Every structure is written in structure tokens, then in C-alpha cells.
Amino acid sequence: KLANCESRDAKECEIFIVEGDSAGGSAKTARNRQHQAILPIRGKILNV
């Protein structure tokens, strides 16, 4: 699921938790691949 960013410097990296494959697909296309990672999730996660 994870579309990771290229950088391995945590200070300049950010990850977006995105709901749904549609939004996740758009986000993967739109992002700055150097610094921005996209992690799609499906629907409402478990209430811990």
C-alpha cells in the first residue's frame, strides 16, 4: 500500500494517511516523490 518517498531523512519526510483507493491514487500522482509518502487505508479503522 505504501508509496514511499525517496528521501530517508526523517526531518524532511512526511506521510499522508489517505482513506480510499481513489484519493490514494490521486495523491500518489500529485505528491512530491522526494519528500512525501502516501499510505492509503480502507474505510474506518478499528476502534482501539
ModelCIF file with pLDDT and N, C-alpha, C, O atoms, coordinates in Angstrom:
data_MODEL
#
_entry.id   MODEL 
#
_entity.id                         1 
_entity.type                       polymer 
_entity.pdbx_number_of_molecules   1 
#
_entity_poly.entity_id                      1 
_entity_poly.type                           'polypeptide(L)' 
_entity_poly.nstd_linkage                   no 
_entity_poly.nstd_monomer                   no 
_entity_poly.pdbx_seq_one_letter_code       KLANCESRDAKECEIFIVEGDSAGGSAKTARNRQHQAILPIRGKILNV 
_entity_poly.pdbx_seq_one_letter_code_can   KLANCESRDAKECEIFIVEGDSAGGSAKTARNRQHQAILPIRGKILNV 
_entity_poly.pdbx_strand_id                 A 
#
loop_
_entity_poly_seq.entity_id 
_entity_poly_seq.num 
_entity_poly_seq.mon_id 
_entity_poly_seq.hetero 
1 1  LYS n 
1 2  LEU n 
1 3  ALA n 
1 4  ASN n 
1 5  CYS n 
1 6  GLU n 
1 7  SER n 
1 8  ARG n 
1 9  ASP n 
1 10 ALA n 
1 11 LYS n 
1 12 GLU n 
1 13 CYS n 
1 14 GLU n 
1 15 ILE n 
1 16 PHE n 
1 17 ILE n 
1 18 VAL n 
1 19 GLU n 
1 20 GLY n 
1 21 ASP n 
1 22 SER n 
1 23 ALA n 
1 24 GLY n 
1 25 GLY n 
1 26 SER n 
1 27 ALA n 
1 28 LYS n 
1 29 THR n 
1 30 ALA n 
1 31 ARG n 
1 32 ASN n 
1 33 ARG n 
1 34 GLN n 
1 35 HIS n 
1 36 GLN n 
1 37 ALA n 
1 38 ILE n 
1 39 LEU n 
1 40 PRO n 
1 41 ILE n 
1 42 ARG n 
1 43 GLY n 
1 44 LYS n 
1 45 ILE n 
1 46 LEU n 
1 47 ASN n 
1 48 VAL n 
#
_struct_asym.id          A 
_struct_asym.entity_id   1 
#
loop_
_ma_qa_metric.id 
_ma_qa_metric.mode 
_ma_qa_metric.name 
_ma_qa_metric.software_group_id 
_ma_qa_metric.type 
1 global pLDDT . pLDDT 
2 local  pLDDT . pLDDT 
#
_ma_qa_metric_global.metric_id      1 
_ma_qa_metric_global.metric_value   86.50 
_ma_qa_metric_global.model_id       1 
_ma_qa_metric_global.ordinal_id     1 
#
loop_
_ma_qa_metric_local.label_asym_id 
_ma_qa_metric_local.label_comp_id 
_ma_qa_metric_local.label_seq_id 
_ma_qa_metric_local.metric_id 
_ma_qa_metric_local.metric_value 
_ma_qa_metric_local.model_id 
_ma_qa_metric_local.ordinal_id 
A LYS 1  2 78.00 1 1  
A LEU 2  2 86.00 1 2  
A ALA 3  2 89.00 1 3  
A ASN 4  2 91.00 1 4  
A CYS 5  2 92.00 1 5  
A GLU 6  2 91.00 1 6  
A SER 7  2 92.00 1 7  
A ARG 8  2 91.00 1 8  
A ASP 9  2 92.00 1 9  
A ALA 10 2 92.00 1 10 
A LYS 11 2 92.00 1 11 
A GLU 12 2 93.00 1 12 
A CYS 13 2 94.00 1 13 
A GLU 14 2 94.00 1 14 
A ILE 15 2 95.00 1 15 
A PHE 16 2 93.00 1 16 
A ILE 17 2 92.00 1 17 
A VAL 18 2 89.00 1 18 
A GLU 19 2 82.00 1 19 
A GLY 20 2 74.00 1 20 
A ASP 21 2 73.00 1 21 
A SER 22 2 74.00 1 22 
A ALA 23 2 77.00 1 23 
A GLY 24 2 82.00 1 24 
A GLY 25 2 84.00 1 25 
A SER 26 2 86.00 1 26 
A ALA 27 2 87.00 1 27 
A LYS 28 2 89.00 1 28 
A THR 29 2 89.00 1 29 
A ALA 30 2 89.00 1 30 
A ARG 31 2 92.00 1 31 
A ASN 32 2 92.00 1 32 
A ARG 33 2 93.00 1 33 
A GLN 34 2 93.00 1 34 
A HIS 35 2 93.00 1 35 
A GLN 36 2 94.00 1 36 
A ALA 37 2 93.00 1 37 
A ILE 38 2 92.00 1 38 
A LEU 39 2 91.00 1 39 
A PRO 40 2 89.00 1 40 
A ILE 41 2 85.00 1 41 
A ARG 42 2 78.00 1 42 
A GLY 43 2 69.00 1 43 
A LYS 44 2 73.00 1 44 
A ILE 45 2 77.00 1 45 
A LEU 46 2 77.00 1 46 
A ASN 47 2 75.00 1 47 
A VAL 48 2 74.00 1 48 
#
loop_
_atom_site.group_PDB 
_atom_site.id 
_atom_site.type_symbol 
_atom_site.label_atom_id 
_atom_site.label_alt_id 
_atom_site.label_comp_id 
_atom_site.label_asym_id 
_atom_site.label_entity_id 
_atom_site.label_seq_id 
_atom_site.pdbx_PDB_ins_code 
_atom_site.Cartn_x 
_atom_site.Cartn_y 
_atom_site.Cartn_z 
_atom_site.occupancy 
_atom_site.B_iso_or_equiv 
_atom_site.pdbx_formal_charge 
_atom_site.auth_seq_id 
_atom_site.auth_comp_id 
_atom_site.auth_asym_id 
_atom_site.auth_atom_id 
_atom_site.pdbx_PDB_model_num 
ATOM 1   N N  . LYS A 1 1  ? 0.821   -1.208 0.000  1.00 78.00 ? 1  LYS A N  1 
ATOM 2   C CA . LYS A 1 1  ? 0.000   0.000  0.000  1.00 78.00 ? 1  LYS A CA 1 
ATOM 3   C C  . LYS A 1 1  ? 0.858   1.263  0.000  1.00 78.00 ? 1  LYS A C  1 
ATOM 4   O O  . LYS A 1 1  ? 0.539   2.243  -0.673 1.00 78.00 ? 1  LYS A O  1 
ATOM 5   N N  . LEU A 1 2  ? 1.930   1.227  0.748  1.00 86.00 ? 2  LEU A N  1 
ATOM 6   C CA . LEU A 1 2  ? 2.743   2.421  0.938  1.00 86.00 ? 2  LEU A CA 1 
ATOM 7   C C  . LEU A 1 2  ? 3.448   2.838  -0.349 1.00 86.00 ? 2  LEU A C  1 
ATOM 8   O O  . LEU A 1 2  ? 4.168   2.050  -0.962 1.00 86.00 ? 2  LEU A O  1 
ATOM 9   N N  . ALA A 1 3  ? 3.232   4.076  -0.742 1.00 89.00 ? 3  ALA A N  1 
ATOM 10  C CA . ALA A 1 3  ? 4.032   4.696  -1.803 1.00 89.00 ? 3  ALA A CA 1 
ATOM 11  C C  . ALA A 1 3  ? 5.032   5.588  -1.084 1.00 89.00 ? 3  ALA A C  1 
ATOM 12  O O  . ALA A 1 3  ? 4.714   6.720  -0.719 1.00 89.00 ? 3  ALA A O  1 
ATOM 13  N N  . ASN A 1 4  ? 6.230   5.080  -0.882 1.00 91.00 ? 4  ASN A N  1 
ATOM 14  C CA . ASN A 1 4  ? 7.193   5.778  -0.038 1.00 91.00 ? 4  ASN A CA 1 
ATOM 15  C C  . ASN A 1 4  ? 7.868   6.920  -0.784 1.00 91.00 ? 4  ASN A C  1 
ATOM 16  O O  . ASN A 1 4  ? 7.841   6.981  -2.013 1.00 91.00 ? 4  ASN A O  1 
ATOM 17  N N  . CYS A 1 5  ? 8.473   7.822  -0.023 1.00 92.00 ? 5  CYS A N  1 
ATOM 18  C CA . CYS A 1 5  ? 9.228   8.907  -0.631 1.00 92.00 ? 5  CYS A CA 1 
ATOM 19  C C  . CYS A 1 5  ? 10.673  8.474  -0.823 1.00 92.00 ? 5  CYS A C  1 
ATOM 20  O O  . CYS A 1 5  ? 11.117  7.477  -0.252 1.00 92.00 ? 5  CYS A O  1 
ATOM 21  N N  . GLU A 1 6  ? 11.398  9.231  -1.629 1.00 91.00 ? 6  GLU A N  1 
ATOM 22  C CA . GLU A 1 6  ? 12.764  8.847  -1.954 1.00 91.00 ? 6  GLU A CA 1 
ATOM 23  C C  . GLU A 1 6  ? 13.741  9.182  -0.827 1.00 91.00 ? 6  GLU A C  1 
ATOM 24  O O  . GLU A 1 6  ? 14.696  8.442  -0.593 1.00 91.00 ? 6  GLU A O  1 
ATOM 25  N N  . SER A 1 7  ? 13.508  10.281 -0.140 1.00 92.00 ? 7  SER A N  1 
ATOM 26  C CA . SER A 1 7  ? 14.408  10.692 0.930  1.00 92.00 ? 7  SER A CA 1 
ATOM 27  C C  . SER A 1 7  ? 14.307  9.746  2.123  1.00 92.00 ? 7  SER A C  1 
ATOM 28  O O  . SER A 1 7  ? 13.239  9.208  2.415  1.00 92.00 ? 7  SER A O  1 
ATOM 29  N N  . ARG A 1 8  ? 15.427  9.553  2.803  1.00 91.00 ? 8  ARG A N  1 
ATOM 30  C CA . ARG A 1 8  ? 15.443  8.781  4.046  1.00 91.00 ? 8  ARG A CA 1 
ATOM 31  C C  . ARG A 1 8  ? 15.768  9.658  5.254  1.00 91.00 ? 8  ARG A C  1 
ATOM 32  O O  . ARG A 1 8  ? 16.009  9.157  6.352  1.00 91.00 ? 8  ARG A O  1 
ATOM 33  N N  . ASP A 1 9  ? 15.770  10.970 5.036  1.00 92.00 ? 9  ASP A N  1 
ATOM 34  C CA . ASP A 1 9  ? 15.984  11.923 6.125  1.00 92.00 ? 9  ASP A CA 1 
ATOM 35  C C  . ASP A 1 9  ? 14.625  12.231 6.755  1.00 92.00 ? 9  ASP A C  1 
ATOM 36  O O  . ASP A 1 9  ? 13.826  12.967 6.176  1.00 92.00 ? 9  ASP A O  1 
ATOM 37  N N  . ALA A 1 10 ? 14.358  11.669 7.943  1.00 92.00 ? 10 ALA A N  1 
ATOM 38  C CA . ALA A 1 10 ? 13.040  11.788 8.558  1.00 92.00 ? 10 ALA A CA 1 
ATOM 39  C C  . ALA A 1 10 ? 12.611  13.242 8.736  1.00 92.00 ? 10 ALA A C  1 
ATOM 40  O O  . ALA A 1 10 ? 11.418  13.540 8.668  1.00 92.00 ? 10 ALA A O  1 
ATOM 41  N N  . LYS A 1 11 ? 13.551  14.143 8.962  1.00 92.00 ? 11 LYS A N  1 
ATOM 42  C CA . LYS A 1 11 ? 13.207  15.532 9.236  1.00 92.00 ? 11 LYS A CA 1 
ATOM 43  C C  . LYS A 1 11 ? 12.561  16.212 8.039  1.00 92.00 ? 11 LYS A C  1 
ATOM 44  O O  . LYS A 1 11 ? 11.814  17.177 8.204  1.00 92.00 ? 11 LYS A O  1 
ATOM 45  N N  . GLU A 1 12 ? 12.836  15.725 6.846  1.00 93.00 ? 12 GLU A N  1 
ATOM 46  C CA . GLU A 1 12 ? 12.258  16.357 5.664  1.00 93.00 ? 12 GLU A CA 1 
ATOM 47  C C  . GLU A 1 12 ? 11.159  15.507 5.022  1.00 93.00 ? 12 GLU A C  1 
ATOM 48  O O  . GLU A 1 12 ? 10.651  15.843 3.953  1.00 93.00 ? 12 GLU A O  1 
ATOM 49  N N  . CYS A 1 13 ? 10.795  14.401 5.684  1.00 94.00 ? 13 CYS A N  1 
ATOM 50  C CA . CYS A 1 13 ? 9.795   13.496 5.125  1.00 94.00 ? 13 CYS A CA 1 
ATOM 51  C C  . CYS A 1 13 ? 8.452   13.648 5.833  1.00 94.00 ? 13 CYS A C  1 
ATOM 52  O O  . CYS A 1 13 ? 8.391   13.928 7.030  1.00 94.00 ? 13 CYS A O  1 
ATOM 53  N N  . GLU A 1 14 ? 7.384   13.458 5.071  1.00 94.00 ? 14 GLU A N  1 
ATOM 54  C CA . GLU A 1 14 ? 6.043   13.466 5.635  1.00 94.00 ? 14 GLU A CA 1 
ATOM 55  C C  . GLU A 1 14 ? 5.213   12.385 4.964  1.00 94.00 ? 14 GLU A C  1 
ATOM 56  O O  . GLU A 1 14 ? 5.408   12.058 3.794  1.00 94.00 ? 14 GLU A O  1 
ATOM 57  N N  . ILE A 1 15 ? 4.281   11.839 5.741  1.00 95.00 ? 15 ILE A N  1 
ATOM 58  C CA . ILE A 1 15 ? 3.436   10.775 5.215  1.00 95.00 ? 15 ILE A CA 1 
ATOM 59  C C  . ILE A 1 15 ? 1.973   11.166 5.365  1.00 95.00 ? 15 ILE A C  1 
ATOM 60  O O  . ILE A 1 15 ? 1.552   11.657 6.413  1.00 95.00 ? 15 ILE A O  1 
ATOM 61  N N  . PHE A 1 16 ? 1.207   10.943 4.307  1.00 93.00 ? 16 PHE A N  1 
ATOM 62  C CA . PHE A 1 16 ? -0.224  11.234 4.315  1.00 93.00 ? 16 PHE A CA 1 
ATOM 63  C C  . PHE A 1 16 ? -0.995  9.926  4.473  1.00 93.00 ? 16 PHE A C  1 
ATOM 64  O O  . PHE A 1 16 ? -0.840  9.004  3.672  1.00 93.00 ? 16 PHE A O  1 
ATOM 65  N N  . ILE A 1 17 ? -1.824  9.856  5.507  1.00 92.00 ? 17 ILE A N  1 
ATOM 66  C CA . ILE A 1 17 ? -2.720  8.717  5.680  1.00 92.00 ? 17 ILE A CA 1 
ATOM 67  C C  . ILE A 1 17 ? -4.016  9.076  4.963  1.00 92.00 ? 17 ILE A C  1 
ATOM 68  O O  . ILE A 1 17 ? -4.747  9.967  5.397  1.00 92.00 ? 17 ILE A O  1 
ATOM 69  N N  . VAL A 1 18 ? -4.297  8.376  3.862  1.00 89.00 ? 18 VAL A N  1 
ATOM 70  C CA . VAL A 1 18 ? -5.395  8.739  2.974  1.00 89.00 ? 18 VAL A CA 1 
ATOM 71  C C  . VAL A 1 18 ? -6.426  7.624  2.954  1.00 89.00 ? 18 VAL A C  1 
ATOM 72  O O  . VAL A 1 18 ? -6.076  6.448  2.862  1.00 89.00 ? 18 VAL A O  1 
ATOM 73  N N  . GLU A 1 19 ? -7.706  7.999  3.040  1.00 82.00 ? 19 GLU A N  1 
ATOM 74  C CA . GLU A 1 19 ? -8.769  6.993  3.017  1.00 82.00 ? 19 GLU A CA 1 
ATOM 75  C C  . GLU A 1 19 ? -9.238  6.784  1.581  1.00 82.00 ? 19 GLU A C  1 
ATOM 76  O O  . GLU A 1 19 ? -9.622  7.729  0.892  1.00 82.00 ? 19 GLU A O  1 
ATOM 77  N N  . GLY A 1 20 ? -9.197  5.527  1.147  1.00 74.00 ? 20 GLY A N  1 
ATOM 78  C CA . GLY A 1 20 ? -9.765  5.176  -0.156 1.00 74.00 ? 20 GLY A CA 1 
ATOM 79  C C  . GLY A 1 20 ? -8.733  5.078  -1.262 1.00 74.00 ? 20 GLY A C  1 
ATOM 80  O O  . GLY A 1 20 ? -7.752  5.822  -1.285 1.00 74.00 ? 20 GLY A O  1 
ATOM 81  N N  . ASP A 1 21 ? -8.968  4.145  -2.186 1.00 73.00 ? 21 ASP A N  1 
ATOM 82  C CA . ASP A 1 21 ? -8.047  3.928  -3.294 1.00 73.00 ? 21 ASP A CA 1 
ATOM 83  C C  . ASP A 1 21 ? -8.076  5.090  -4.278 1.00 73.00 ? 21 ASP A C  1 
ATOM 84  O O  . ASP A 1 21 ? -7.049  5.433  -4.865 1.00 73.00 ? 21 ASP A O  1 
ATOM 85  N N  . SER A 1 22 ? -9.263  5.706  -4.464 1.00 74.00 ? 22 SER A N  1 
ATOM 86  C CA . SER A 1 22 ? -9.384  6.803  -5.425 1.00 74.00 ? 22 SER A CA 1 
ATOM 87  C C  . SER A 1 22 ? -8.545  8.009  -4.993 1.00 74.00 ? 22 SER A C  1 
ATOM 88  O O  . SER A 1 22 ? -7.740  8.531  -5.764 1.00 74.00 ? 22 SER A O  1 
ATOM 89  N N  . ALA A 1 23 ? -8.752  8.443  -3.731 1.00 77.00 ? 23 ALA A N  1 
ATOM 90  C CA . ALA A 1 23 ? -7.966  9.563  -3.217 1.00 77.00 ? 23 ALA A CA 1 
ATOM 91  C C  . ALA A 1 23 ? -6.491  9.184  -3.126 1.00 77.00 ? 23 ALA A C  1 
ATOM 92  O O  . ALA A 1 23 ? -5.613  10.007 -3.384 1.00 77.00 ? 23 ALA A O  1 
ATOM 93  N N  . GLY A 1 24 ? -6.225  7.927  -2.759 1.00 82.00 ? 24 GLY A N  1 
ATOM 94  C CA . GLY A 1 24 ? -4.845  7.476  -2.671 1.00 82.00 ? 24 GLY A CA 1 
ATOM 95  C C  . GLY A 1 24 ? -4.151  7.534  -4.014 1.00 82.00 ? 24 GLY A C  1 
ATOM 96  O O  . GLY A 1 24 ? -2.980  7.902  -4.097 1.00 82.00 ? 24 GLY A O  1 
ATOM 97  N N  . GLY A 1 25 ? -4.879  7.166  -5.082 1.00 84.00 ? 25 GLY A N  1 
ATOM 98  C CA . GLY A 1 25 ? -4.293  7.215  -6.413 1.00 84.00 ? 25 GLY A CA 1 
ATOM 99  C C  . GLY A 1 25 ? -3.967  8.627  -6.845 1.00 84.00 ? 25 GLY A C  1 
ATOM 100 O O  . GLY A 1 25 ? -2.894  8.890  -7.389 1.00 84.00 ? 25 GLY A O  1 
ATOM 101 N N  . SER A 1 26 ? -4.903  9.541  -6.601 1.00 86.00 ? 26 SER A N  1 
ATOM 102 C CA . SER A 1 26 ? -4.655  10.946 -6.941 1.00 86.00 ? 26 SER A CA 1 
ATOM 103 C C  . SER A 1 26 ? -3.481  11.495 -6.148 1.00 86.00 ? 26 SER A C  1 
ATOM 104 O O  . SER A 1 26 ? -2.636  12.211 -6.685 1.00 86.00 ? 26 SER A O  1 
ATOM 105 N N  . ALA A 1 27 ? -3.435  11.152 -4.860 1.00 87.00 ? 27 ALA A N  1 
ATOM 106 C CA . ALA A 1 27 ? -2.361  11.656 -4.002 1.00 87.00 ? 27 ALA A CA 1 
ATOM 107 C C  . ALA A 1 27 ? -1.000  11.125 -4.458 1.00 87.00 ? 27 ALA A C  1 
ATOM 108 O O  . ALA A 1 27 ? -0.015  11.862 -4.447 1.00 87.00 ? 27 ALA A O  1 
ATOM 109 N N  . LYS A 1 28 ? -0.940  9.871  -4.853 1.00 89.00 ? 28 LYS A N  1 
ATOM 110 C CA . LYS A 1 28 ? 0.328   9.299  -5.324 1.00 89.00 ? 28 LYS A CA 1 
ATOM 111 C C  . LYS A 1 28 ? 0.819   10.006 -6.575 1.00 89.00 ? 28 LYS A C  1 
ATOM 112 O O  . LYS A 1 28 ? 2.021   10.191 -6.765 1.00 89.00 ? 28 LYS A O  1 
ATOM 113 N N  . THR A 1 29 ? -0.124  10.402 -7.432 1.00 89.00 ? 29 THR A N  1 
ATOM 114 C CA . THR A 1 29 ? 0.243   11.111 -8.658 1.00 89.00 ? 29 THR A CA 1 
ATOM 115 C C  . THR A 1 29 ? 0.659   12.554 -8.364 1.00 89.00 ? 29 THR A C  1 
ATOM 116 O O  . THR A 1 29 ? 1.592   13.077 -8.973 1.00 89.00 ? 29 THR A O  1 
ATOM 117 N N  . ALA A 1 30 ? -0.045  13.185 -7.425 1.00 89.00 ? 30 ALA A N  1 
ATOM 118 C CA . ALA A 1 30 ? 0.157   14.614 -7.168 1.00 89.00 ? 30 ALA A CA 1 
ATOM 119 C C  . ALA A 1 30 ? 1.368   14.918 -6.298 1.00 89.00 ? 30 ALA A C  1 
ATOM 120 O O  . ALA A 1 30 ? 1.927   16.010 -6.401 1.00 89.00 ? 30 ALA A O  1 
ATOM 121 N N  . ARG A 1 31 ? 1.776   14.026 -5.477 1.00 92.00 ? 31 ARG A N  1 
ATOM 122 C CA . ARG A 1 31 ? 2.762   14.301 -4.418 1.00 92.00 ? 31 ARG A CA 1 
ATOM 123 C C  . ARG A 1 31 ? 4.144   14.676 -4.958 1.00 92.00 ? 31 ARG A C  1 
ATOM 124 O O  . ARG A 1 31 ? 4.461   14.473 -6.130 1.00 92.00 ? 31 ARG A O  1 
ATOM 125 N N  . ASN A 1 32 ? 4.939   15.225 -4.063 1.00 92.00 ? 32 ASN A N  1 
ATOM 126 C CA . ASN A 1 32 ? 6.366   15.409 -4.284 1.00 92.00 ? 32 ASN A CA 1 
ATOM 127 C C  . ASN A 1 32 ? 7.049   14.111 -3.860 1.00 92.00 ? 32 ASN A C  1 
ATOM 128 O O  . ASN A 1 32 ? 7.169   13.834 -2.667 1.00 92.00 ? 32 ASN A O  1 
ATOM 129 N N  . ARG A 1 33 ? 7.490   13.327 -4.816 1.00 93.00 ? 33 ARG A N  1 
ATOM 130 C CA . ARG A 1 33 ? 8.016   11.993 -4.514 1.00 93.00 ? 33 ARG A CA 1 
ATOM 131 C C  . ARG A 1 33 ? 9.271   12.018 -3.661 1.00 93.00 ? 33 ARG A C  1 
ATOM 132 O O  . ARG A 1 33 ? 9.597   11.032 -3.000 1.00 93.00 ? 33 ARG A O  1 
ATOM 133 N N  . GLN A 1 34 ? 9.976   13.143 -3.673 1.00 93.00 ? 34 GLN A N  1 
ATOM 134 C CA . GLN A 1 34 ? 11.207  13.218 -2.894 1.00 93.00 ? 34 GLN A CA 1 
ATOM 135 C C  . GLN A 1 34 ? 10.916  13.182 -1.394 1.00 93.00 ? 34 GLN A C  1 
ATOM 136 O O  . GLN A 1 34 ? 11.628  12.529 -0.630 1.00 93.00 ? 34 GLN A O  1 
ATOM 137 N N  . HIS A 1 35 ? 9.854   13.897 -0.979 1.00 93.00 ? 35 HIS A N  1 
ATOM 138 C CA . HIS A 1 35 ? 9.629   14.091 0.457  1.00 93.00 ? 35 HIS A CA 1 
ATOM 139 C C  . HIS A 1 35 ? 8.293   13.564 0.969  1.00 93.00 ? 35 HIS A C  1 
ATOM 140 O O  . HIS A 1 35 ? 8.114   13.443 2.181  1.00 93.00 ? 35 HIS A O  1 
ATOM 141 N N  . GLN A 1 36 ? 7.355   13.247 0.087  1.00 94.00 ? 36 GLN A N  1 
ATOM 142 C CA . GLN A 1 36 ? 6.004   12.915 0.526  1.00 94.00 ? 36 GLN A CA 1 
ATOM 143 C C  . GLN A 1 36 ? 5.662   11.454 0.234  1.00 94.00 ? 36 GLN A C  1 
ATOM 144 O O  . GLN A 1 36 ? 5.749   10.994 -0.905 1.00 94.00 ? 36 GLN A O  1 
ATOM 145 N N  . ALA A 1 37 ? 5.268   10.734 1.296  1.00 93.00 ? 37 ALA A N  1 
ATOM 146 C CA . ALA A 1 37 ? 4.828   9.347  1.172  1.00 93.00 ? 37 ALA A CA 1 
ATOM 147 C C  . ALA A 1 37 ? 3.308   9.299  1.312  1.00 93.00 ? 37 ALA A C  1 
ATOM 148 O O  . ALA A 1 37 ? 2.713   10.137 1.989  1.00 93.00 ? 37 ALA A O  1 
ATOM 149 N N  . ILE A 1 38 ? 2.692   8.321  0.671  1.00 92.00 ? 38 ILE A N  1 
ATOM 150 C CA . ILE A 1 38 ? 1.238   8.163  0.722  1.00 92.00 ? 38 ILE A CA 1 
ATOM 151 C C  . ILE A 1 38 ? 0.914   6.762  1.218  1.00 92.00 ? 38 ILE A C  1 
ATOM 152 O O  . ILE A 1 38 ? 1.414   5.775  0.679  1.00 92.00 ? 38 ILE A O  1 
ATOM 153 N N  . LEU A 1 39 ? 0.073   6.679  2.250  1.00 91.00 ? 39 LEU A N  1 
ATOM 154 C CA . LEU A 1 39 ? -0.369  5.379  2.763  1.00 91.00 ? 39 LEU A CA 1 
ATOM 155 C C  . LEU A 1 39 ? -1.901  5.335  2.728  1.00 91.00 ? 39 LEU A C  1 
ATOM 156 O O  . LEU A 1 39 ? -2.552  5.900  3.608  1.00 91.00 ? 39 LEU A O  1 
ATOM 157 N N  . PRO A 1 40 ? -2.476  4.680  1.736  1.00 89.00 ? 40 PRO A N  1 
ATOM 158 C CA . PRO A 1 40 ? -3.942  4.556  1.701  1.00 89.00 ? 40 PRO A CA 1 
ATOM 159 C C  . PRO A 1 40 ? -4.432  3.545  2.736  1.00 89.00 ? 40 PRO A C  1 
ATOM 160 O O  . PRO A 1 40 ? -3.782  2.528  2.976  1.00 89.00 ? 40 PRO A O  1 
ATOM 161 N N  . ILE A 1 41 ? -5.564  3.827  3.337  1.00 85.00 ? 41 ILE A N  1 
ATOM 162 C CA . ILE A 1 41 ? -6.229  2.865  4.216  1.00 85.00 ? 41 ILE A CA 1 
ATOM 163 C C  . ILE A 1 41 ? -7.657  2.687  3.726  1.00 85.00 ? 41 ILE A C  1 
ATOM 164 O O  . ILE A 1 41 ? -8.183  3.534  3.005  1.00 85.00 ? 41 ILE A O  1 
ATOM 165 N N  . ARG A 1 42 ? -8.271  1.603  4.112  1.00 78.00 ? 42 ARG A N  1 
ATOM 166 C CA . ARG A 1 42 ? -9.620  1.306  3.642  1.00 78.00 ? 42 ARG A CA 1 
ATOM 167 C C  . ARG A 1 42 ? -10.645 1.594  4.736  1.00 78.00 ? 42 ARG A C  1 
ATOM 168 O O  . ARG A 1 42 ? -10.700 0.891  5.745  1.00 78.00 ? 42 ARG A O  1 
ATOM 169 N N  . GLY A 1 43 ? -11.450 2.624  4.530  1.00 69.00 ? 43 GLY A N  1 
ATOM 170 C CA . GLY A 1 43 ? -12.568 2.886  5.418  1.00 69.00 ? 43 GLY A CA 1 
ATOM 171 C C  . GLY A 1 43 ? -12.161 3.218  6.839  1.00 69.00 ? 43 GLY A C  1 
ATOM 172 O O  . GLY A 1 43 ? -11.056 3.697  7.097  1.00 69.00 ? 43 GLY A O  1 
ATOM 173 N N  . LYS A 1 44 ? -13.084 2.951  7.758  1.00 73.00 ? 44 LYS A N  1 
ATOM 174 C CA . LYS A 1 44 ? -12.889 3.271  9.169  1.00 73.00 ? 44 LYS A CA 1 
ATOM 175 C C  . LYS A 1 44 ? -12.083 2.175  9.838  1.00 73.00 ? 44 LYS A C  1 
ATOM 176 O O  . LYS A 1 44 ? -12.457 1.003  9.808  1.00 73.00 ? 44 LYS A O  1 
ATOM 177 N N  . ILE A 1 45 ? -10.966 2.571  10.447 1.00 77.00 ? 45 ILE A N  1 
ATOM 178 C CA . ILE A 1 45 ? -10.123 1.582  11.111 1.00 77.00 ? 45 ILE A CA 1 
ATOM 179 C C  . ILE A 1 45 ? -10.799 1.108  12.398 1.00 77.00 ? 45 ILE A C  1 
ATOM 180 O O  . ILE A 1 45 ? -11.800 1.670  12.843 1.00 77.00 ? 45 ILE A O  1 
ATOM 181 N N  . LEU A 1 46 ? -10.231 0.077  12.971 1.00 77.00 ? 46 LEU A N  1 
ATOM 182 C CA . LEU A 1 46 ? -10.740 -0.487 14.216 1.00 77.00 ? 46 LEU A CA 1 
ATOM 183 C C  . LEU A 1 46 ? -10.695 0.553  15.333 1.00 77.00 ? 46 LEU A C  1 
ATOM 184 O O  . LEU A 1 46 ? -9.718  1.290  15.460 1.00 77.00 ? 46 LEU A O  1 
ATOM 185 N N  . ASN A 1 47 ? -11.756 0.610  16.144 1.00 75.00 ? 47 ASN A N  1 
ATOM 186 C CA . ASN A 1 47 ? -11.751 1.468  17.332 1.00 75.00 ? 47 ASN A CA 1 
ATOM 187 C C  . ASN A 1 47 ? -10.933 0.769  18.407 1.00 75.00 ? 47 ASN A C  1 
ATOM 188 O O  . ASN A 1 47 ? -11.414 -0.171 19.039 1.00 75.00 ? 47 ASN A O  1 
ATOM 189 N N  . VAL A 1 48 ? -9.702  1.219  18.618 1.00 74.00 ? 48 VAL A N  1 
ATOM 190 C CA . VAL A 1 48 ? -8.782  0.506  19.504 1.00 74.00 ? 48 VAL A CA 1 
ATOM 191 C C  . VAL A 1 48 ? -9.242  0.534  20.953 1.00 74.00 ? 48 VAL A C  1 
ATOM 192 O O  . VAL A 1 48 ? -8.574  -0.023 21.824 1.00 74.00 ? 48 VAL A O  1 
#
